[in-house]
């Protein structure tokens, strides 16, 4: 399935949105995208953005469920110029809470 994506010309990241409220920034926070296939909202200076379509090997339902169920199988940021490499989202590191006596 083809999805709308934007490439940040500052950091080189290409980002896309999987669902209506799936908002993402690039690594340097200069460019953002939201809306999935319902609409496209792009945040950032037009001189820092290159719009393009990328092909994701997933259906619209799979992308929505990936976002909605927080599976992050299809990843959020694609780095590189011409290749589409979907990387899984990095897991957040959490600190163990100390028990208070």
C-alpha atoms as a PDB file:
ATOM      1  CA  UNK A   1       0.000   0.000   0.000  1.00  0.00           C
ATOM      2  CA  UNK A   2       1.280   3.459  -0.839  1.00  0.00           C
ATOM      3  CA  UNK A   3       1.281   6.049   1.934  1.00  0.00           C
ATOM      4  CA  UNK A   4       2.139   9.751   1.963  1.00  0.00           C
ATOM      5  CA  UNK A   5       5.461  10.463   3.622  1.00  0.00           C
ATOM      6  CA  UNK A   6       7.735  13.450   4.070  1.00  0.00           C
ATOM      7  CA  UNK A   7      11.510  13.573   4.077  1.00  0.00           C
ATOM      8  CA  UNK A   8      13.266  16.052   6.344  1.00  0.00           C
ATOM      9  CA  UNK A   9      16.048  17.638   4.329  1.00  0.00           C
ATOM     10  CA  UNK A  10      17.898  18.560   7.547  1.00  0.00           C
ATOM     11  CA  UNK A  11      18.289  15.113   9.183  1.00  0.00           C
ATOM     12  CA  UNK A  12      17.369  12.832   6.256  1.00  0.00           C
ATOM     13  CA  UNK A  13      14.564  10.955   8.038  1.00  0.00           C
ATOM     14  CA  UNK A  14      11.452  10.007   6.093  1.00  0.00           C
ATOM     15  CA  UNK A  15       8.369   9.829   8.302  1.00  0.00           C
ATOM     16  CA  UNK A  16       4.793   8.715   7.729  1.00  0.00           C
ATOM     17  CA  UNK A  17       1.578   8.415   9.706  1.00  0.00           C
ATOM     18  CA  UNK A  18      -0.196   5.054  10.067  1.00  0.00           C
ATOM     19  CA  UNK A  19      -3.578   6.332  11.307  1.00  0.00           C
ATOM     20  CA  UNK A  20      -5.659   9.483  11.737  1.00  0.00           C
ATOM     21  CA  UNK A  21      -4.135  10.556  15.067  1.00  0.00           C
ATOM     22  CA  UNK A  22      -0.667   9.012  14.608  1.00  0.00           C
ATOM     23  CA  UNK A  23       1.526  12.147  14.736  1.00  0.00           C
ATOM     24  CA  UNK A  24       5.307  11.908  14.326  1.00  0.00           C
ATOM     25  CA  UNK A  25       8.303  14.224  14.180  1.00  0.00           C
ATOM     26  CA  UNK A  26      11.583  13.441  12.465  1.00  0.00           C
ATOM     27  CA  UNK A  27      14.690  12.987  14.626  1.00  0.00           C
ATOM     28  CA  UNK A  28      15.606  16.688  14.606  1.00  0.00           C
ATOM     29  CA  UNK A  29      11.975  17.810  15.222  1.00  0.00           C
ATOM     30  CA  UNK A  30      11.949  20.073  12.131  1.00  0.00           C
ATOM     31  CA  UNK A  31       9.223  18.137  10.293  1.00  0.00           C
ATOM     32  CA  UNK A  32       6.067  16.398  11.509  1.00  0.00           C
ATOM     33  CA  UNK A  33       3.236  14.438   9.869  1.00  0.00           C
ATOM     34  CA  UNK A  34      -0.235  13.343  10.972  1.00  0.00           C
ATOM     35  CA  UNK A  35      -3.446  11.967   9.507  1.00  0.00           C
ATOM     36  CA  UNK A  36      -2.716   8.533   8.081  1.00  0.00           C
ATOM     37  CA  UNK A  37      -4.732   7.987   4.896  1.00  0.00           C
ATOM     38  CA  UNK A  38      -7.700  10.070   6.136  1.00  0.00           C
ATOM     39  CA  UNK A  39      -5.912  13.408   5.656  1.00  0.00           C
ATOM     40  CA  UNK A  40      -2.344  14.662   5.547  1.00  0.00           C
ATOM     41  CA  UNK A  41      -1.152  17.394   7.899  1.00  0.00           C
ATOM     42  CA  UNK A  42       2.496  18.347   7.576  1.00  0.00           C
ATOM     43  CA  UNK A  43       4.285  20.535  10.114  1.00  0.00           C
ATOM     44  CA  UNK A  44       7.518  22.347   9.281  1.00  0.00           C
ATOM     45  CA  UNK A  45       9.148  24.862   6.986  1.00  0.00           C
ATOM     46  CA  UNK A  46       8.456  24.062   3.324  1.00  0.00           C
ATOM     47  CA  UNK A  47      12.160  24.459   2.434  1.00  0.00           C
ATOM     48  CA  UNK A  48      13.005  21.590   4.827  1.00  0.00           C
ATOM     49  CA  UNK A  49      10.442  19.121   3.405  1.00  0.00           C
ATOM     50  CA  UNK A  50      10.289  16.792   0.423  1.00  0.00           C
ATOM     51  CA  UNK A  51       6.898  15.077  -0.032  1.00  0.00           C
ATOM     52  CA  UNK A  52       6.824  11.561  -1.470  1.00  0.00           C
ATOM     53  CA  UNK A  53       4.878   8.315  -1.483  1.00  0.00           C
ATOM     54  CA  UNK A  54       6.369   5.139  -0.065  1.00  0.00           C
ATOM     55  CA  UNK A  55       5.203   1.561  -0.413  1.00  0.00           C
ATOM     56  CA  UNK A  56       4.459  -0.251   2.847  1.00  0.00           C
ATOM     57  CA  UNK A  57       3.758  -3.990   2.709  1.00  0.00           C
ATOM     58  CA  UNK A  58       0.652  -3.769   4.893  1.00  0.00           C
ATOM     59  CA  UNK A  59      -3.030  -3.033   4.493  1.00  0.00           C
ATOM     60  CA  UNK A  60      -4.719   0.058   5.890  1.00  0.00           C
ATOM     61  CA  UNK A  61      -6.311  -2.142   8.585  1.00  0.00           C
ATOM     62  CA  UNK A  62      -2.903  -3.587   9.554  1.00  0.00           C
ATOM     63  CA  UNK A  63      -1.373  -0.106   9.837  1.00  0.00           C
ATOM     64  CA  UNK A  64      -4.302   1.118  11.956  1.00  0.00           C
ATOM     65  CA  UNK A  65      -4.094  -1.894  14.286  1.00  0.00           C
ATOM     66  CA  UNK A  66      -0.301  -1.492  14.493  1.00  0.00           C
ATOM     67  CA  UNK A  67      -0.841   2.060  15.767  1.00  0.00           C
ATOM     68  CA  UNK A  68      -3.982   1.442  17.832  1.00  0.00           C
ATOM     69  CA  UNK A  69      -2.655  -1.639  19.639  1.00  0.00           C
ATOM     70  CA  UNK A  70       0.829  -0.080  20.009  1.00  0.00           C
ATOM     71  CA  UNK A  71       2.536  -3.027  18.286  1.00  0.00           C
ATOM     72  CA  UNK A  72       4.875  -0.800  16.236  1.00  0.00           C
ATOM     73  CA  UNK A  73       5.689  -3.659  13.863  1.00  0.00           C
ATOM     74  CA  UNK A  74       5.884  -1.346  10.873  1.00  0.00           C
ATOM     75  CA  UNK A  75       7.995   1.301  12.547  1.00  0.00           C
ATOM     76  CA  UNK A  76       7.724   5.034  12.474  1.00  0.00           C
ATOM     77  CA  UNK A  77      10.857   6.504  10.903  1.00  0.00           C
ATOM     78  CA  UNK A  78      12.584   5.374   7.762  1.00  0.00           C
ATOM     79  CA  UNK A  79      16.169   6.545   7.244  1.00  0.00           C
ATOM     80  CA  UNK A  80      17.925   6.575   3.916  1.00  0.00           C
ATOM     81  CA  UNK A  81      17.437   8.184   0.531  1.00  0.00           C
ATOM     82  CA  UNK A  82      16.011   5.646  -1.903  1.00  0.00           C
ATOM     83  CA  UNK A  83      15.363   2.465   0.043  1.00  0.00           C
ATOM     84  CA  UNK A  84      12.357   1.860   2.249  1.00  0.00           C
ATOM     85  CA  UNK A  85      13.638   0.187   5.396  1.00  0.00           C
ATOM     86  CA  UNK A  86      10.966  -0.165   8.017  1.00  0.00           C
ATOM     87  CA  UNK A  87      12.526  -0.277  11.441  1.00  0.00           C
ATOM     88  CA  UNK A  88      10.684  -1.230  14.618  1.00  0.00           C
ATOM     89  CA  UNK A  89      10.257   1.528  17.161  1.00  0.00           C
ATOM     90  CA  UNK A  90      12.876   1.416  19.904  1.00  0.00           C
ATOM     91  CA  UNK A  91      11.554   0.267  23.264  1.00  0.00           C
ATOM     92  CA  UNK A  92      11.460   2.913  25.954  1.00  0.00           C
ATOM     93  CA  UNK A  93      13.863   2.416  28.819  1.00  0.00           C
ATOM     94  CA  UNK A  94      12.237   2.598  32.227  1.00  0.00           C
ATOM     95  CA  UNK A  95      13.785   2.888  35.651  1.00  0.00           C
ATOM     96  CA  UNK A  96      12.631   0.620  38.446  1.00  0.00           C
ATOM     97  CA  UNK A  97      10.797   2.467  41.192  1.00  0.00           C
ATOM     98  CA  UNK A  98      12.226   2.217  44.690  1.00  0.00           C
ATOM     99  CA  UNK A  99       9.846   1.065  47.394  1.00  0.00           C
ATOM    100  CA  UNK A 100       9.215   3.613  50.128  1.00  0.00           C
ATOM    101  CA  UNK A 101       9.091   2.160  53.626  1.00  0.00           C
END
